[in-house]
């Protein structure tokens, strides 16, 4: 059952990656292009790590439990990028965005 959900997540990320890639390509050299481009790379990164989990490369059994540690690497990279993107879109001050990103970093430790 877990394998099914990993495939669903992977396919969803690939669809998102294609969408944002096409949107960024259509907006080439226009103001606001950085948002779909950043979203493209976020979903590309996430799709790559979900594929590694499907293939069993970032999965380790520990004490009878399966640990999908690739998911945590994905989160450590994509969560701050998503917060940065949302903060910029919302027009927040850079100091506030950095504080929110830092607070998430503290939670991850």
C-alpha atoms as a PDB file:
ATOM      1  CA  UNK A   1       0.000   0.000   0.000  1.00  0.00           C
ATOM      2  CA  UNK A   2       2.862   2.389   0.801  1.00  0.00           C
ATOM      3  CA  UNK A   3       4.302   1.792  -2.669  1.00  0.00           C
ATOM      4  CA  UNK A   4       0.999   2.935  -4.212  1.00  0.00           C
ATOM      5  CA  UNK A   5       1.070   6.237  -2.304  1.00  0.00           C
ATOM      6  CA  UNK A   6       4.698   6.819  -3.239  1.00  0.00           C
ATOM      7  CA  UNK A   7       3.722   6.390  -6.902  1.00  0.00           C
ATOM      8  CA  UNK A   8       0.765   8.774  -6.466  1.00  0.00           C
ATOM      9  CA  UNK A   9       3.062  11.390  -4.904  1.00  0.00           C
ATOM     10  CA  UNK A  10       5.698  10.890  -7.607  1.00  0.00           C
ATOM     11  CA  UNK A  11       3.176  11.246 -10.443  1.00  0.00           C
ATOM     12  CA  UNK A  12       1.671  14.331  -8.780  1.00  0.00           C
ATOM     13  CA  UNK A  13       5.107  15.930  -8.486  1.00  0.00           C
ATOM     14  CA  UNK A  14       5.927  15.131 -12.117  1.00  0.00           C
ATOM     15  CA  UNK A  15       2.628  16.685 -13.258  1.00  0.00           C
ATOM     16  CA  UNK A  16       3.372  19.769 -11.140  1.00  0.00           C
ATOM     17  CA  UNK A  17       6.898  19.903 -12.529  1.00  0.00           C
ATOM     18  CA  UNK A  18       5.613  19.819 -16.112  1.00  0.00           C
ATOM     19  CA  UNK A  19       2.996  22.494 -15.359  1.00  0.00           C
ATOM     20  CA  UNK A  20       5.454  24.881 -13.701  1.00  0.00           C
ATOM     21  CA  UNK A  21       8.102  24.224 -16.355  1.00  0.00           C
ATOM     22  CA  UNK A  22       5.668  25.123 -19.144  1.00  0.00           C
ATOM     23  CA  UNK A  23       4.471  28.181 -17.234  1.00  0.00           C
ATOM     24  CA  UNK A  24       8.050  29.378 -16.642  1.00  0.00           C
ATOM     25  CA  UNK A  25       8.885  28.776 -20.290  1.00  0.00           C
ATOM     26  CA  UNK A  26       5.855  30.789 -21.422  1.00  0.00           C
ATOM     27  CA  UNK A  27       6.864  33.676 -19.127  1.00  0.00           C
ATOM     28  CA  UNK A  28      10.474  33.717 -20.328  1.00  0.00           C
ATOM     29  CA  UNK A  29      12.200  36.964 -19.380  1.00  0.00           C
ATOM     30  CA  UNK A  30       9.058  38.504 -17.927  1.00  0.00           C
ATOM     31  CA  UNK A  31       8.527  39.876 -14.443  1.00  0.00           C
ATOM     32  CA  UNK A  32       7.271  37.193 -12.070  1.00  0.00           C
ATOM     33  CA  UNK A  33       8.943  34.354 -13.973  1.00  0.00           C
ATOM     34  CA  UNK A  34      10.982  33.378 -10.911  1.00  0.00           C
ATOM     35  CA  UNK A  35       7.949  31.947  -9.099  1.00  0.00           C
ATOM     36  CA  UNK A  36       7.013  29.208 -11.593  1.00  0.00           C
ATOM     37  CA  UNK A  37      10.713  28.550 -12.163  1.00  0.00           C
ATOM     38  CA  UNK A  38      11.338  28.071  -8.444  1.00  0.00           C
ATOM     39  CA  UNK A  39       8.216  25.891  -8.203  1.00  0.00           C
ATOM     40  CA  UNK A  40       9.520  23.828 -11.128  1.00  0.00           C
ATOM     41  CA  UNK A  41      12.759  23.068  -9.293  1.00  0.00           C
ATOM     42  CA  UNK A  42      10.976  22.371  -5.990  1.00  0.00           C
ATOM     43  CA  UNK A  43       8.678  19.804  -7.619  1.00  0.00           C
ATOM     44  CA  UNK A  44      11.568  18.358  -9.643  1.00  0.00           C
ATOM     45  CA  UNK A  45      13.578  17.837  -6.447  1.00  0.00           C
ATOM     46  CA  UNK A  46      10.579  16.274  -4.682  1.00  0.00           C
ATOM     47  CA  UNK A  47       9.815  13.983  -7.651  1.00  0.00           C
ATOM     48  CA  UNK A  48      13.432  12.805  -7.708  1.00  0.00           C
ATOM     49  CA  UNK A  49      13.363  11.906  -4.015  1.00  0.00           C
ATOM     50  CA  UNK A  50       9.998  10.145  -4.260  1.00  0.00           C
ATOM     51  CA  UNK A  51      11.474   8.089  -7.103  1.00  0.00           C
ATOM     52  CA  UNK A  52      14.437   7.159  -4.884  1.00  0.00           C
ATOM     53  CA  UNK A  53      11.970   5.973  -2.240  1.00  0.00           C
ATOM     54  CA  UNK A  54      10.030   3.931  -4.815  1.00  0.00           C
ATOM     55  CA  UNK A  55      13.282   2.302  -5.949  1.00  0.00           C
ATOM     56  CA  UNK A  56      14.286   1.640  -2.329  1.00  0.00           C
ATOM     57  CA  UNK A  57      17.429   3.777  -2.459  1.00  0.00           C
ATOM     58  CA  UNK A  58      16.457   6.050   0.441  1.00  0.00           C
ATOM     59  CA  UNK A  59      14.591   3.467   2.519  1.00  0.00           C
ATOM     60  CA  UNK A  60      16.113   1.655   5.494  1.00  0.00           C
ATOM     61  CA  UNK A  61      14.568  -0.951   7.812  1.00  0.00           C
ATOM     62  CA  UNK A  62      15.326  -0.152  11.468  1.00  0.00           C
ATOM     63  CA  UNK A  63      14.068  -2.372  14.307  1.00  0.00           C
ATOM     64  CA  UNK A  64      11.371  -3.844  12.106  1.00  0.00           C
ATOM     65  CA  UNK A  65      10.149  -0.415  10.941  1.00  0.00           C
ATOM     66  CA  UNK A  66      10.679   0.980   7.457  1.00  0.00           C
ATOM     67  CA  UNK A  67      12.206   4.457   7.534  1.00  0.00           C
ATOM     68  CA  UNK A  68      11.787   6.533   4.381  1.00  0.00           C
ATOM     69  CA  UNK A  69      14.675   8.889   5.111  1.00  0.00           C
ATOM     70  CA  UNK A  70      14.578  10.343   1.591  1.00  0.00           C
ATOM     71  CA  UNK A  71      11.374  12.099   2.600  1.00  0.00           C
ATOM     72  CA  UNK A  72      13.231  14.005   5.313  1.00  0.00           C
ATOM     73  CA  UNK A  73      15.972  15.131   2.927  1.00  0.00           C
ATOM     74  CA  UNK A  74      13.228  16.304   0.572  1.00  0.00           C
ATOM     75  CA  UNK A  75      11.498  18.254   3.347  1.00  0.00           C
ATOM     76  CA  UNK A  76      14.705  19.883   4.590  1.00  0.00           C
ATOM     77  CA  UNK A  77      15.298  21.346   1.128  1.00  0.00           C
ATOM     78  CA  UNK A  78      11.785  22.064  -0.165  1.00  0.00           C
ATOM     79  CA  UNK A  79      10.073  23.438   2.970  1.00  0.00           C
ATOM     80  CA  UNK A  80      12.326  26.514   3.321  1.00  0.00           C
ATOM     81  CA  UNK A  81      12.062  27.157  -0.426  1.00  0.00           C
ATOM     82  CA  UNK A  82       8.269  26.987  -0.295  1.00  0.00           C
ATOM     83  CA  UNK A  83       8.209  29.339   2.697  1.00  0.00           C
ATOM     84  CA  UNK A  84      10.515  31.737   0.867  1.00  0.00           C
ATOM     85  CA  UNK A  85       8.289  31.697  -2.204  1.00  0.00           C
ATOM     86  CA  UNK A  86       5.096  32.207  -0.186  1.00  0.00           C
ATOM     87  CA  UNK A  87       6.670  35.037   1.806  1.00  0.00           C
ATOM     88  CA  UNK A  88       7.822  36.850  -1.321  1.00  0.00           C
ATOM     89  CA  UNK A  89       4.410  36.420  -2.989  1.00  0.00           C
ATOM     90  CA  UNK A  90       2.726  37.752   0.167  1.00  0.00           C
ATOM     91  CA  UNK A  91       5.051  40.770   0.154  1.00  0.00           C
ATOM     92  CA  UNK A  92       6.531  40.071   3.581  1.00  0.00           C
ATOM     93  CA  UNK A  93       9.718  41.730   4.777  1.00  0.00           C
ATOM     94  CA  UNK A  94      12.873  39.682   4.173  1.00  0.00           C
ATOM     95  CA  UNK A  95      13.613  39.647   7.938  1.00  0.00           C
ATOM     96  CA  UNK A  96      10.227  38.080   8.677  1.00  0.00           C
ATOM     97  CA  UNK A  97      10.645  35.490   5.923  1.00  0.00           C
ATOM     98  CA  UNK A  98      14.098  34.592   7.273  1.00  0.00           C
ATOM     99  CA  UNK A  99      12.644  34.296  10.791  1.00  0.00           C
ATOM    100  CA  UNK A 100       9.937  31.901   9.636  1.00  0.00           C
ATOM    101  CA  UNK A 101      12.459  29.841   7.673  1.00  0.00           C
ATOM    102  CA  UNK A 102      14.757  29.761  10.688  1.00  0.00           C
ATOM    103  CA  UNK A 103      11.905  28.681  12.977  1.00  0.00           C
ATOM    104  CA  UNK A 104      11.179  25.751  10.676  1.00  0.00           C
ATOM    105  CA  UNK A 105      14.885  24.890  10.696  1.00  0.00           C
ATOM    106  CA  UNK A 106      14.770  24.827  14.487  1.00  0.00           C
ATOM    107  CA  UNK A 107      11.781  22.452  14.371  1.00  0.00           C
ATOM    108  CA  UNK A 108      13.598  20.068  12.034  1.00  0.00           C
ATOM    109  CA  UNK A 109      16.517  19.573  14.423  1.00  0.00           C
END
